[in-house]
Amino acid sequence: MTGDTTSSRIETTWLTLPELVETLGEPLGRVRRLIDEYHLVASRRTGKLAVPEVFIVDGHPLSSLRGTAIVLHDAGFTDDEAIDWLLDHDDSIGLPPIEALRRGRKAEVRRVAQTLA
């Protein structure tokens, strides 16, 4: 991905696997499965495997994240690229896609994601 995205990126804390175990109240094996099945999208960009905290709502993975992550992966996105797209401002949506998902606008976000292939 190119361009300066730092000024329009959502600020988020990154949760490591032990922090996810605590936050989600799930055993490590279940947390790994949530990542493997795209209920959460993780990256090693901070050194350790971690997930943006904004992907979690009320102690659970954001329900609309999985389908959106699958659409992005089907479009050829890596996990890092998918995370970047979700956290960066998108002009066609008017805000970062993760914020739109958190506001219940999953159909709109997925429509835009499908055009990225």
PDB file of N, CA and C in Angstrom:
ATOM      1  N   MET A   1       0.858  -1.165   0.000  1.00  0.00           N
ATOM      2  CA  MET A   1       0.000   0.000   0.000  1.00  0.00           C
ATOM      3  C   MET A   1       0.905   1.228   0.000  1.00  0.00           C
ATOM      4  N   THR A   2       0.441   2.278  -0.624  1.00  0.00           N
ATOM      5  CA  THR A   2       1.265   3.473  -0.728  1.00  0.00           C
ATOM      6  C   THR A   2       0.528   4.668  -0.165  1.00  0.00           C
ATOM      7  N   GLY A   3       1.276   5.758  -0.028  1.00  0.00           N
ATOM      8  CA  GLY A   3       0.657   6.989   0.437  1.00  0.00           C
ATOM      9  C   GLY A   3       0.826   7.173   1.933  1.00  0.00           C
ATOM     10  N   ASP A   4       0.636   8.414   2.375  1.00  0.00           N
ATOM     11  CA  ASP A   4       0.749   8.737   3.793  1.00  0.00           C
ATOM     12  C   ASP A   4      -0.595   8.515   4.452  1.00  0.00           C
ATOM     13  N   THR A   5      -0.663   7.477   5.280  1.00  0.00           N
ATOM     14  CA  THR A   5      -1.927   7.146   5.927  1.00  0.00           C
ATOM     15  C   THR A   5      -1.907   7.452   7.412  1.00  0.00           C
ATOM     16  N   THR A   6      -0.777   7.918   7.915  1.00  0.00           N
ATOM     17  CA  THR A   6      -0.658   8.095   9.359  1.00  0.00           C
ATOM     18  C   THR A   6      -1.597   9.160   9.892  1.00  0.00           C
ATOM     19  N   SER A   7      -1.876  10.206   9.131  1.00  0.00           N
ATOM     20  CA  SER A   7      -2.706  11.285   9.649  1.00  0.00           C
ATOM     21  C   SER A   7      -4.186  10.919   9.677  1.00  0.00           C
ATOM     22  N   SER A   8      -4.605   9.934   8.918  1.00  0.00           N
ATOM     23  CA  SER A   8      -6.017   9.579   8.874  1.00  0.00           C
ATOM     24  C   SER A   8      -6.280   8.182   9.421  1.00  0.00           C
ATOM     25  N   ARG A   9      -5.320   7.638  10.120  1.00  0.00           N
ATOM     26  CA  ARG A   9      -5.435   6.290  10.661  1.00  0.00           C
ATOM     27  C   ARG A   9      -6.051   6.342  12.045  1.00  0.00           C
ATOM     28  N   ILE A  10      -6.869   5.367  12.323  1.00  0.00           N
ATOM     29  CA  ILE A  10      -7.469   5.224  13.648  1.00  0.00           C
ATOM     30  C   ILE A  10      -6.374   4.851  14.639  1.00  0.00           C
ATOM     31  N   GLU A  11      -6.367   5.466  15.781  1.00  0.00           N
ATOM     32  CA  GLU A  11      -5.420   5.111  16.840  1.00  0.00           C
ATOM     33  C   GLU A  11      -6.005   3.937  17.614  1.00  0.00           C
ATOM     34  N   THR A  12      -5.200   2.922  17.831  1.00  0.00           N
ATOM     35  CA  THR A  12      -5.669   1.746  18.554  1.00  0.00           C
ATOM     36  C   THR A  12      -4.527   1.108  19.316  1.00  0.00           C
ATOM     37  N   THR A  13      -4.864   0.469  20.384  1.00  0.00           N
ATOM     38  CA  THR A  13      -3.918  -0.350  21.130  1.00  0.00           C
ATOM     39  C   THR A  13      -3.852  -1.711  20.452  1.00  0.00           C
ATOM     40  N   TRP A  14      -2.671  -2.316  20.446  1.00  0.00           N
ATOM     41  CA  TRP A  14      -2.503  -3.646  19.875  1.00  0.00           C
ATOM     42  C   TRP A  14      -2.453  -4.649  21.016  1.00  0.00           C
ATOM     43  N   LEU A  15      -3.283  -5.672  20.948  1.00  0.00           N
ATOM     44  CA  LEU A  15      -3.358  -6.690  21.984  1.00  0.00           C
ATOM     45  C   LEU A  15      -2.617  -7.952  21.549  1.00  0.00           C
ATOM     46  N   THR A  16      -1.669  -8.404  22.371  1.00  0.00           N
ATOM     47  CA  THR A  16      -0.937  -9.638  22.109  1.00  0.00           C
ATOM     48  C   THR A  16      -1.817 -10.827  22.492  1.00  0.00           C
ATOM     49  N   LEU A  17      -1.368 -12.023  22.168  1.00  0.00           N
ATOM     50  CA  LEU A  17      -2.159 -13.214  22.478  1.00  0.00           C
ATOM     51  C   LEU A  17      -2.484 -13.330  23.971  1.00  0.00           C
ATOM     52  N   PRO A  18      -1.519 -13.145  24.884  1.00  0.00           N
ATOM     53  CA  PRO A  18      -1.887 -13.216  26.305  1.00  0.00           C
ATOM     54  C   PRO A  18      -2.927 -12.151  26.694  1.00  0.00           C
ATOM     55  N   GLU A  19      -2.819 -10.974  26.110  1.00  0.00           N
ATOM     56  CA  GLU A  19      -3.803  -9.912  26.403  1.00  0.00           C
ATOM     57  C   GLU A  19      -5.174 -10.268  25.826  1.00  0.00           C
ATOM     58  N   LEU A  20      -5.180 -10.911  24.652  1.00  0.00           N
ATOM     59  CA  LEU A  20      -6.446 -11.352  24.059  1.00  0.00           C
ATOM     60  C   LEU A  20      -7.104 -12.432  24.908  1.00  0.00           C
ATOM     61  N   VAL A  21      -6.299 -13.346  25.447  1.00  0.00           N
ATOM     62  CA  VAL A  21      -6.827 -14.387  26.337  1.00  0.00           C
ATOM     63  C   VAL A  21      -7.563 -13.725  27.497  1.00  0.00           C
ATOM     64  N   GLU A  22      -6.940 -12.704  28.078  1.00  0.00           N
ATOM     65  CA  GLU A  22      -7.551 -12.000  29.207  1.00  0.00           C
ATOM     66  C   GLU A  22      -8.777 -11.189  28.776  1.00  0.00           C
ATOM     67  N   THR A  23      -8.656 -10.446  27.685  1.00  0.00           N
ATOM     68  CA  THR A  23      -9.751  -9.577  27.223  1.00  0.00           C
ATOM     69  C   THR A  23     -10.979 -10.374  26.803  1.00  0.00           C
ATOM     70  N   LEU A  24     -10.745 -11.466  26.085  1.00  0.00           N
ATOM     71  CA  LEU A  24     -11.855 -12.268  25.566  1.00  0.00           C
ATOM     72  C   LEU A  24     -12.341 -13.317  26.561  1.00  0.00           C
ATOM     73  N   GLY A  25     -11.523 -13.606  27.575  1.00  0.00           N
ATOM     74  CA  GLY A  25     -11.893 -14.639  28.530  1.00  0.00           C
ATOM     75  C   GLY A  25     -11.939 -16.019  27.904  1.00  0.00           C
ATOM     76  N   GLU A  26     -11.066 -16.224  26.925  1.00  0.00           N
ATOM     77  CA  GLU A  26     -11.007 -17.497  26.190  1.00  0.00           C
ATOM     78  C   GLU A  26      -9.622 -18.099  26.339  1.00  0.00           C
ATOM     79  N   PRO A  27      -9.511 -19.430  26.273  1.00  0.00           N
ATOM     80  CA  PRO A  27      -8.183 -20.048  26.322  1.00  0.00           C
ATOM     81  C   PRO A  27      -7.382 -19.727  25.057  1.00  0.00           C
ATOM     82  N   LEU A  28      -6.068 -19.874  25.146  1.00  0.00           N
ATOM     83  CA  LEU A  28      -5.176 -19.545  24.034  1.00  0.00           C
ATOM     84  C   LEU A  28      -5.551 -20.282  22.753  1.00  0.00           C
ATOM     85  N   GLY A  29      -5.893 -21.555  22.850  1.00  0.00           N
ATOM     86  CA  GLY A  29      -6.273 -22.322  21.662  1.00  0.00           C
ATOM     87  C   GLY A  29      -7.478 -21.718  20.950  1.00  0.00           C
ATOM     88  N   ARG A  30      -8.452 -21.268  21.716  1.00  0.00           N
ATOM     89  CA  ARG A  30      -9.646 -20.645  21.136  1.00  0.00           C
ATOM     90  C   ARG A  30      -9.302 -19.298  20.492  1.00  0.00           C
ATOM     91  N   VAL A  31      -8.409 -18.522  21.132  1.00  0.00           N
ATOM     92  CA  VAL A  31      -7.988 -17.237  20.565  1.00  0.00           C
ATOM     93  C   VAL A  31      -7.279 -17.471  19.235  1.00  0.00           C
ATOM     94  N   ARG A  32      -6.410 -18.473  19.192  1.00  0.00           N
ATOM     95  CA  ARG A  32      -5.719 -18.788  17.933  1.00  0.00           C
ATOM     96  C   ARG A  32      -6.713 -19.205  16.843  1.00  0.00           C
ATOM     97  N   ARG A  33      -7.720 -19.952  17.228  1.00  0.00           N
ATOM     98  CA  ARG A  33      -8.756 -20.373  16.276  1.00  0.00           C
ATOM     99  C   ARG A  33      -9.539 -19.160  15.761  1.00  0.00           C
ATOM    100  N   LEU A  34      -9.837 -18.208  16.630  1.00  0.00           N
ATOM    101  CA  LEU A  34     -10.535 -16.988  16.200  1.00  0.00           C
ATOM    102  C   LEU A  34      -9.715 -16.250  15.131  1.00  0.00           C
ATOM    103  N   ILE A  35      -8.401 -16.257  15.298  1.00  0.00           N
ATOM    104  CA  ILE A  35      -7.525 -15.620  14.311  1.00  0.00           C
ATOM    105  C   ILE A  35      -7.476 -16.461  13.033  1.00  0.00           C
ATOM    106  N   ASP A  36      -7.305 -17.758  13.168  1.00  0.00           N
ATOM    107  CA  ASP A  36      -7.239 -18.645  12.000  1.00  0.00           C
ATOM    108  C   ASP A  36      -8.505 -18.585  11.156  1.00  0.00           C
ATOM    109  N   GLU A  37      -9.654 -18.394  11.817  1.00  0.00           N
ATOM    110  CA  GLU A  37     -10.947 -18.376  11.121  1.00  0.00           C
ATOM    111  C   GLU A  37     -11.408 -16.962  10.771  1.00  0.00           C
ATOM    112  N   TYR A  38     -10.505 -15.977  10.899  1.00  0.00           N
ATOM    113  CA  TYR A  38     -10.747 -14.579  10.532  1.00  0.00           C
ATOM    114  C   TYR A  38     -11.811 -13.868  11.363  1.00  0.00           C
ATOM    115  N   HIS A  39     -12.120 -14.384  12.544  1.00  0.00           N
ATOM    116  CA  HIS A  39     -12.978 -13.614  13.449  1.00  0.00           C
ATOM    117  C   HIS A  39     -12.192 -12.416  13.953  1.00  0.00           C
ATOM    118  N   LEU A  40     -10.867 -12.567  13.959  1.00  0.00           N
ATOM    119  CA  LEU A  40      -9.924 -11.492  14.274  1.00  0.00           C
ATOM    120  C   LEU A  40      -8.818 -11.539  13.231  1.00  0.00           C
ATOM    121  N   VAL A  41      -8.222 -10.391  12.939  1.00  0.00           N
ATOM    122  CA  VAL A  41      -7.117 -10.334  11.989  1.00  0.00           C
ATOM    123  C   VAL A  41      -5.898  -9.857  12.767  1.00  0.00           C
ATOM    124  N   ALA A  42      -4.809 -10.606  12.680  1.00  0.00           N
ATOM    125  CA  ALA A  42      -3.620 -10.326  13.473  1.00  0.00           C
ATOM    126  C   ALA A  42      -2.420 -10.001  12.594  1.00  0.00           C
ATOM    127  N   SER A  43      -1.445  -9.351  13.209  1.00  0.00           N
ATOM    128  CA  SER A  43      -0.216  -8.968  12.519  1.00  0.00           C
ATOM    129  C   SER A  43       0.964  -9.116  13.468  1.00  0.00           C
ATOM    130  N   ARG A  44       2.133  -9.306  12.890  1.00  0.00           N
ATOM    131  CA  ARG A  44       3.369  -9.345  13.678  1.00  0.00           C
ATOM    132  C   ARG A  44       4.138  -8.044  13.547  1.00  0.00           C
ATOM    133  N   ARG A  45       3.528  -6.979  13.061  1.00  0.00           N
ATOM    134  CA  ARG A  45       4.248  -5.723  12.824  1.00  0.00           C
ATOM    135  C   ARG A  45       4.821  -5.118  14.096  1.00  0.00           C
ATOM    136  N   THR A  46       4.293  -5.466  15.246  1.00  0.00           N
ATOM    137  CA  THR A  46       4.831  -4.957  16.510  1.00  0.00           C
ATOM    138  C   THR A  46       5.839  -5.945  17.111  1.00  0.00           C
ATOM    139  N   GLY A  47       6.181  -6.983  16.378  1.00  0.00           N
ATOM    140  CA  GLY A  47       7.113  -8.001  16.863  1.00  0.00           C
ATOM    141  C   GLY A  47       6.386  -9.273  17.244  1.00  0.00           C
ATOM    142  N   LYS A  48       5.429  -9.160  18.136  1.00  0.00           N
ATOM    143  CA  LYS A  48       4.626 -10.315  18.548  1.00  0.00           C
ATOM    144  C   LYS A  48       3.296 -10.273  17.808  1.00  0.00           C
ATOM    145  N   LEU A  49       2.696 -11.437  17.621  1.00  0.00           N
ATOM    146  CA  LEU A  49       1.382 -11.494  16.990  1.00  0.00           C
ATOM    147  C   LEU A  49       0.402 -10.682  17.839  1.00  0.00           C
ATOM    148  N   ALA A  50      -0.294  -9.744  17.211  1.00  0.00           N
ATOM    149  CA  ALA A  50      -1.198  -8.860  17.937  1.00  0.00           C
ATOM    150  C   ALA A  50      -2.374  -8.455  17.059  1.00  0.00           C
ATOM    151  N   VAL A  51      -3.446  -8.033  17.724  1.00  0.00           N
ATOM    152  CA  VAL A  51      -4.700  -7.650  17.071  1.00  0.00           C
ATOM    153  C   VAL A  51      -5.061  -6.234  17.519  1.00  0.00           C
ATOM    154  N   PRO A  52      -5.514  -5.382  16.589  1.00  0.00           N
ATOM    155  CA  PRO A  52      -5.971  -4.060  17.019  1.00  0.00           C
ATOM    156  C   PRO A  52      -7.162  -4.179  17.979  1.00  0.00           C
ATOM    157  N   GLU A  53      -7.096  -3.455  19.067  1.00  0.00           N
ATOM    158  CA  GLU A  53      -8.150  -3.516  20.081  1.00  0.00           C
ATOM    159  C   GLU A  53      -9.516  -3.098  19.524  1.00  0.00           C
ATOM    160  N   VAL A  54      -9.546  -2.242  18.500  1.00  0.00           N
ATOM    161  CA  VAL A  54     -10.828  -1.798  17.935  1.00  0.00           C
ATOM    162  C   VAL A  54     -11.582  -2.931  17.245  1.00  0.00           C
ATOM    163  N   PHE A  55     -10.931  -4.081  17.060  1.00  0.00           N
ATOM    164  CA  PHE A  55     -11.599  -5.236  16.464  1.00  0.00           C
ATOM    165  C   PHE A  55     -12.447  -5.980  17.499  1.00  0.00           C
ATOM    166  N   ILE A  56     -12.406  -5.532  18.751  1.00  0.00           N
ATOM    167  CA  ILE A  56     -13.137  -6.180  19.840  1.00  0.00           C
ATOM    168  C   ILE A  56     -14.171  -5.215  20.409  1.00  0.00           C
ATOM    169  N   VAL A  57     -15.389  -5.719  20.585  1.00  0.00           N
ATOM    170  CA  VAL A  57     -16.484  -4.920  21.145  1.00  0.00           C
ATOM    171  C   VAL A  57     -17.113  -5.712  22.284  1.00  0.00           C
ATOM    172  N   ASP A  58     -17.189  -5.095  23.436  1.00  0.00           N
ATOM    173  CA  ASP A  58     -17.801  -5.727  24.615  1.00  0.00           C
ATOM    174  C   ASP A  58     -17.241  -7.118  24.901  1.00  0.00           C
ATOM    175  N   GLY A  59     -15.928  -7.260  24.787  1.00  0.00           N
ATOM    176  CA  GLY A  59     -15.282  -8.525  25.122  1.00  0.00           C
ATOM    177  C   GLY A  59     -15.415  -9.628  24.095  1.00  0.00           C
ATOM    178  N   HIS A  60     -15.857  -9.275  22.874  1.00  0.00           N
ATOM    179  CA  HIS A  60     -16.012 -10.265  21.795  1.00  0.00           C
ATOM    180  C   HIS A  60     -15.495  -9.675  20.487  1.00  0.00           C
ATOM    181  N   PRO A  61     -15.026 -10.540  19.570  1.00  0.00           N
ATOM    182  CA  PRO A  61     -14.656 -10.017  18.252  1.00  0.00           C
ATOM    183  C   PRO A  61     -15.864  -9.335  17.602  1.00  0.00           C
ATOM    184  N   LEU A  62     -15.625  -8.217  16.952  1.00  0.00           N
ATOM    185  CA  LEU A  62     -16.682  -7.518  16.218  1.00  0.00           C
ATOM    186  C   LEU A  62     -17.287  -8.495  15.213  1.00  0.00           C
ATOM    187  N   SER A  63     -18.579  -8.749  15.314  1.00  0.00           N
ATOM    188  CA  SER A  63     -19.208  -9.813  14.520  1.00  0.00           C
ATOM    189  C   SER A  63     -19.083  -9.591  13.014  1.00  0.00           C
ATOM    190  N   SER A  64     -19.094  -8.356  12.565  1.00  0.00           N
ATOM    191  CA  SER A  64     -19.036  -8.093  11.124  1.00  0.00           C
ATOM    192  C   SER A  64     -17.617  -8.117  10.570  1.00  0.00           C
ATOM    193  N   LEU A  65     -16.620  -8.291  11.437  1.00  0.00           N
ATOM    194  CA  LEU A  65     -15.234  -8.293  10.974  1.00  0.00           C
ATOM    195  C   LEU A  65     -14.919  -9.522  10.123  1.00  0.00           C
ATOM    196  N   ARG A  66     -15.418 -10.686  10.517  1.00  0.00           N
ATOM    197  CA  ARG A  66     -15.056 -11.929   9.827  1.00  0.00           C
ATOM    198  C   ARG A  66     -15.412 -11.896   8.337  1.00  0.00           C
ATOM    199  N   GLY A  67     -16.635 -11.592   8.018  1.00  0.00           N
ATOM    200  CA  GLY A  67     -17.046 -11.563   6.615  1.00  0.00           C
ATOM    201  C   GLY A  67     -16.274 -10.530   5.815  1.00  0.00           C
ATOM    202  N   THR A  68     -16.010  -9.395   6.442  1.00  0.00           N
ATOM    203  CA  THR A  68     -15.248  -8.342   5.772  1.00  0.00           C
ATOM    204  C   THR A  68     -13.814  -8.794   5.541  1.00  0.00           C
ATOM    205  N   ALA A  69     -13.208  -9.444   6.531  1.00  0.00           N
ATOM    206  CA  ALA A  69     -11.842  -9.954   6.370  1.00  0.00           C
ATOM    207  C   ALA A  69     -11.773 -10.983   5.253  1.00  0.00           C
ATOM    208  N   ILE A  70     -12.786 -11.820   5.150  1.00  0.00           N
ATOM    209  CA  ILE A  70     -12.823 -12.828   4.090  1.00  0.00           C
ATOM    210  C   ILE A  70     -12.915 -12.156   2.719  1.00  0.00           C
ATOM    211  N   VAL A  71     -13.751 -11.132   2.598  1.00  0.00           N
ATOM    212  CA  VAL A  71     -13.853 -10.384   1.333  1.00  0.00           C
ATOM    213  C   VAL A  71     -12.492  -9.790   0.973  1.00  0.00           C
ATOM    214  N   LEU A  72     -11.811  -9.192   1.945  1.00  0.00           N
ATOM    215  CA  LEU A  72     -10.505  -8.582   1.682  1.00  0.00           C
ATOM    216  C   LEU A  72      -9.472  -9.631   1.287  1.00  0.00           C
ATOM    217  N   HIS A  73      -9.474 -10.766   1.958  1.00  0.00           N
ATOM    218  CA  HIS A  73      -8.528 -11.829   1.596  1.00  0.00           C
ATOM    219  C   HIS A  73      -8.842 -12.386   0.210  1.00  0.00           C
ATOM    220  N   ASP A  74     -10.124 -12.516  -0.119  1.00  0.00           N
ATOM    221  CA  ASP A  74     -10.508 -12.963  -1.457  1.00  0.00           C
ATOM    222  C   ASP A  74     -10.055 -11.973  -2.530  1.00  0.00           C
ATOM    223  N   ALA A  75      -9.933 -10.688  -2.147  1.00  0.00           N
ATOM    224  CA  ALA A  75      -9.473  -9.652  -3.071  1.00  0.00           C
ATOM    225  C   ALA A  75      -7.946  -9.625  -3.167  1.00  0.00           C
ATOM    226  N   GLY A  76      -7.273 -10.517  -2.416  1.00  0.00           N
ATOM    227  CA  GLY A  76      -5.830 -10.618  -2.506  1.00  0.00           C
ATOM    228  C   GLY A  76      -5.068  -9.884  -1.410  1.00  0.00           C
ATOM    229  N   PHE A  77      -5.767  -9.358  -0.418  1.00  0.00           N
ATOM    230  CA  PHE A  77      -5.109  -8.635   0.662  1.00  0.00           C
ATOM    231  C   PHE A  77      -4.414  -9.600   1.623  1.00  0.00           C
ATOM    232  N   THR A  78      -3.239  -9.224   2.094  1.00  0.00           N
ATOM    233  CA  THR A  78      -2.595  -9.942   3.190  1.00  0.00           C
ATOM    234  C   THR A  78      -3.266  -9.482   4.492  1.00  0.00           C
ATOM    235  N   ASP A  79      -2.940 -10.141   5.593  1.00  0.00           N
ATOM    236  CA  ASP A  79      -3.485  -9.697   6.882  1.00  0.00           C
ATOM    237  C   ASP A  79      -3.082  -8.253   7.175  1.00  0.00           C
ATOM    238  N   ASP A  80      -1.812  -7.911   6.948  1.00  0.00           N
ATOM    239  CA  ASP A  80      -1.351  -6.541   7.202  1.00  0.00           C
ATOM    240  C   ASP A  80      -2.087  -5.530   6.331  1.00  0.00           C
ATOM    241  N   GLU A  81      -2.271  -5.858   5.061  1.00  0.00           N
ATOM    242  CA  GLU A  81      -2.984  -4.942   4.162  1.00  0.00           C
ATOM    243  C   GLU A  81      -4.442  -4.798   4.573  1.00  0.00           C
ATOM    244  N   ALA A  82      -5.063  -5.888   4.998  1.00  0.00           N
ATOM    245  CA  ALA A  82      -6.453  -5.832   5.453  1.00  0.00           C
ATOM    246  C   ALA A  82      -6.576  -4.943   6.683  1.00  0.00           C
ATOM    247  N   ILE A  83      -5.661  -5.106   7.629  1.00  0.00           N
ATOM    248  CA  ILE A  83      -5.673  -4.274   8.832  1.00  0.00           C
ATOM    249  C   ILE A  83      -5.481  -2.812   8.457  1.00  0.00           C
ATOM    250  N   ASP A  84      -4.517  -2.533   7.587  1.00  0.00           N
ATOM    251  CA  ASP A  84      -4.284  -1.145   7.159  1.00  0.00           C
ATOM    252  C   ASP A  84      -5.537  -0.550   6.542  1.00  0.00           C
ATOM    253  N   TRP A  85      -6.183  -1.290   5.657  1.00  0.00           N
ATOM    254  CA  TRP A  85      -7.384  -0.768   5.004  1.00  0.00           C
ATOM    255  C   TRP A  85      -8.494  -0.508   6.026  1.00  0.00           C
ATOM    256  N   LEU A  86      -8.656  -1.416   6.965  1.00  0.00           N
ATOM    257  CA  LEU A  86      -9.697  -1.260   7.976  1.00  0.00           C
ATOM    258  C   LEU A  86      -9.449  -0.059   8.877  1.00  0.00           C
ATOM    259  N   LEU A  87      -8.199   0.254   9.163  1.00  0.00           N
ATOM    260  CA  LEU A  87      -7.867   1.335  10.093  1.00  0.00           C
ATOM    261  C   LEU A  87      -7.708   2.693   9.425  1.00  0.00           C
ATOM    262  N   ASP A  88      -7.473   2.709   8.114  1.00  0.00           N
ATOM    263  CA  ASP A  88      -7.246   3.965   7.392  1.00  0.00           C
ATOM    264  C   ASP A  88      -8.560   4.580   6.923  1.00  0.00           C
ATOM    265  N   HIS A  89      -8.583   5.911   6.856  1.00  0.00           N
ATOM    266  CA  HIS A  89      -9.763   6.618   6.347  1.00  0.00           C
ATOM    267  C   HIS A  89     -10.015   6.202   4.894  1.00  0.00           C
ATOM    268  N   ASP A  90     -11.264   5.959   4.564  1.00  0.00           N
ATOM    269  CA  ASP A  90     -11.645   5.624   3.193  1.00  0.00           C
ATOM    270  C   ASP A  90     -12.608   6.696   2.698  1.00  0.00           C
ATOM    271  N   ASP A  91     -12.232   7.379   1.620  1.00  0.00           N
ATOM    272  CA  ASP A  91     -13.042   8.482   1.114  1.00  0.00           C
ATOM    273  C   ASP A  91     -14.443   8.054   0.706  1.00  0.00           C
ATOM    274  N   SER A  92     -14.575   6.861   0.125  1.00  0.00           N
ATOM    275  CA  SER A  92     -15.894   6.435  -0.352  1.00  0.00           C
ATOM    276  C   SER A  92     -16.839   6.093   0.804  1.00  0.00           C
ATOM    277  N   ILE A  93     -16.287   5.747   1.954  1.00  0.00           N
ATOM    278  CA  ILE A  93     -17.116   5.458   3.132  1.00  0.00           C
ATOM    279  C   ILE A  93     -17.249   6.708   4.001  1.00  0.00           C
ATOM    280  N   GLY A  94     -16.222   7.546   3.983  1.00  0.00           N
ATOM    281  CA  GLY A  94     -16.256   8.784   4.744  1.00  0.00           C
ATOM    282  C   GLY A  94     -15.611   8.689   6.119  1.00  0.00           C
ATOM    283  N   LEU A  95     -15.123   7.518   6.459  1.00  0.00           N
ATOM    284  CA  LEU A  95     -14.437   7.288   7.721  1.00  0.00           C
ATOM    285  C   LEU A  95     -13.690   5.968   7.610  1.00  0.00           C
ATOM    286  N   PRO A  96     -12.864   5.628   8.594  1.00  0.00           N
ATOM    287  CA  PRO A  96     -12.183   4.336   8.511  1.00  0.00           C
ATOM    288  C   PRO A  96     -13.195   3.187   8.483  1.00  0.00           C
ATOM    289  N   PRO A  97     -12.976   2.184   7.636  1.00  0.00           N
ATOM    290  CA  PRO A  97     -13.930   1.076   7.539  1.00  0.00           C
ATOM    291  C   PRO A  97     -14.252   0.404   8.870  1.00  0.00           C
ATOM    292  N   ILE A  98     -13.270   0.289   9.779  1.00  0.00           N
ATOM    293  CA  ILE A  98     -13.564  -0.351  11.062  1.00  0.00           C
ATOM    294  C   ILE A  98     -14.581   0.466  11.853  1.00  0.00           C
ATOM    295  N   GLU A  99     -14.527   1.783  11.741  1.00  0.00           N
ATOM    296  CA  GLU A  99     -15.523   2.626  12.422  1.00  0.00           C
ATOM    297  C   GLU A  99     -16.910   2.405  11.812  1.00  0.00           C
ATOM    298  N   ALA A 100     -16.962   2.297  10.493  1.00  0.00           N
ATOM    299  CA  ALA A 100     -18.245   2.024   9.837  1.00  0.00           C
ATOM    300  C   ALA A 100     -18.791   0.665  10.278  1.00  0.00           C
ATOM    301  N   LEU A 101     -17.923  -0.338  10.382  1.00  0.00           N
ATOM    302  CA  LEU A 101     -18.378  -1.653  10.852  1.00  0.00           C
ATOM    303  C   LEU A 101     -18.903  -1.560  12.279  1.00  0.00           C
ATOM    304  N   ARG A 102     -18.209  -0.830  13.129  1.00  0.00           N
ATOM    305  CA  ARG A 102     -18.634  -0.685  14.520  1.00  0.00           C
ATOM    306  C   ARG A 102     -19.971   0.068  14.619  1.00  0.00           C
ATOM    307  N   ARG A 103     -20.308   0.832  13.588  1.00  0.00           N
ATOM    308  CA  ARG A 103     -21.579   1.566  13.549  1.00  0.00           C
ATOM    309  C   ARG A 103     -22.675   0.802  12.814  1.00  0.00           C
ATOM    310  N   GLY A 104     -22.391  -0.455  12.438  1.00  0.00           N
ATOM    311  CA  GLY A 104     -23.406  -1.284  11.810  1.00  0.00           C
ATOM    312  C   GLY A 104     -23.536  -1.128  10.305  1.00  0.00           C
ATOM    313  N   ARG A 105     -22.537  -0.580   9.654  1.00  0.00           N
ATOM    314  CA  ARG A 105     -22.600  -0.333   8.206  1.00  0.00           C
ATOM    315  C   ARG A 105     -21.821  -1.390   7.421  1.00  0.00           C
ATOM    316  N   LYS A 106     -22.010  -2.680   7.779  1.00  0.00           N
ATOM    317  CA  LYS A 106     -21.202  -3.731   7.164  1.00  0.00           C
ATOM    318  C   LYS A 106     -21.471  -3.900   5.672  1.00  0.00           C
ATOM    319  N   ALA A 107     -22.711  -3.754   5.221  1.00  0.00           N
ATOM    320  CA  ALA A 107     -23.003  -3.929   3.793  1.00  0.00           C
ATOM    321  C   ALA A 107     -22.241  -2.904   2.955  1.00  0.00           C
ATOM    322  N   GLU A 108     -22.219  -1.680   3.411  1.00  0.00           N
ATOM    323  CA  GLU A 108     -21.500  -0.623   2.698  1.00  0.00           C
ATOM    324  C   GLU A 108     -19.996  -0.915   2.672  1.00  0.00           C
ATOM    325  N   VAL A 109     -19.446  -1.308   3.812  1.00  0.00           N
ATOM    326  CA  VAL A 109     -18.011  -1.607   3.888  1.00  0.00           C
ATOM    327  C   VAL A 109     -17.660  -2.767   2.970  1.00  0.00           C
ATOM    328  N   ARG A 110     -18.465  -3.806   2.972  1.00  0.00           N
ATOM    329  CA  ARG A 110     -18.169  -4.969   2.124  1.00  0.00           C
ATOM    330  C   ARG A 110     -18.328  -4.648   0.646  1.00  0.00           C
ATOM    331  N   ARG A 111     -19.284  -3.796   0.309  1.00  0.00           N
ATOM    332  CA  ARG A 111     -19.437  -3.369  -1.092  1.00  0.00           C
ATOM    333  C   ARG A 111     -18.164  -2.686  -1.565  1.00  0.00           C
ATOM    334  N   VAL A 112     -17.648  -1.773  -0.742  1.00  0.00           N
ATOM    335  CA  VAL A 112     -16.416  -1.079  -1.105  1.00  0.00           C
ATOM    336  C   VAL A 112     -15.244  -2.063  -1.165  1.00  0.00           C
ATOM    337  N   ALA A 113     -15.163  -2.973  -0.198  1.00  0.00           N
ATOM    338  CA  ALA A 113     -14.072  -3.955  -0.175  1.00  0.00           C
ATOM    339  C   ALA A 113     -14.076  -4.815  -1.428  1.00  0.00           C
ATOM    340  N   GLN A 114     -15.255  -5.166  -1.923  1.00  0.00           N
ATOM    341  CA  GLN A 114     -15.342  -6.008  -3.125  1.00  0.00           C
ATOM    342  C   GLN A 114     -14.809  -5.300  -4.363  1.00  0.00           C
ATOM    343  N   THR A 115     -14.821  -3.983  -4.355  1.00  0.00           N
ATOM    344  CA  THR A 115     -14.325  -3.238  -5.522  1.00  0.00           C
ATOM    345  C   THR A 115     -12.794  -3.122  -5.527  1.00  0.00           C
ATOM    346  N   LEU A 116     -12.153  -3.581  -4.471  1.00  0.00           N
ATOM    347  CA  LEU A 116     -10.706  -3.429  -4.339  1.00  0.00           C
ATOM    348  C   LEU A 116      -9.921  -4.534  -5.034  1.00  0.00           C
ATOM    349  N   ALA A 117     -10.600  -5.559  -5.495  1.00  0.00           N
ATOM    350  CA  ALA A 117      -9.901  -6.692  -6.128  1.00  0.00           C
ATOM    351  C   ALA A 117      -9.208  -6.290  -7.405  1.00  0.00           C
TER     352      ALA A 117
END
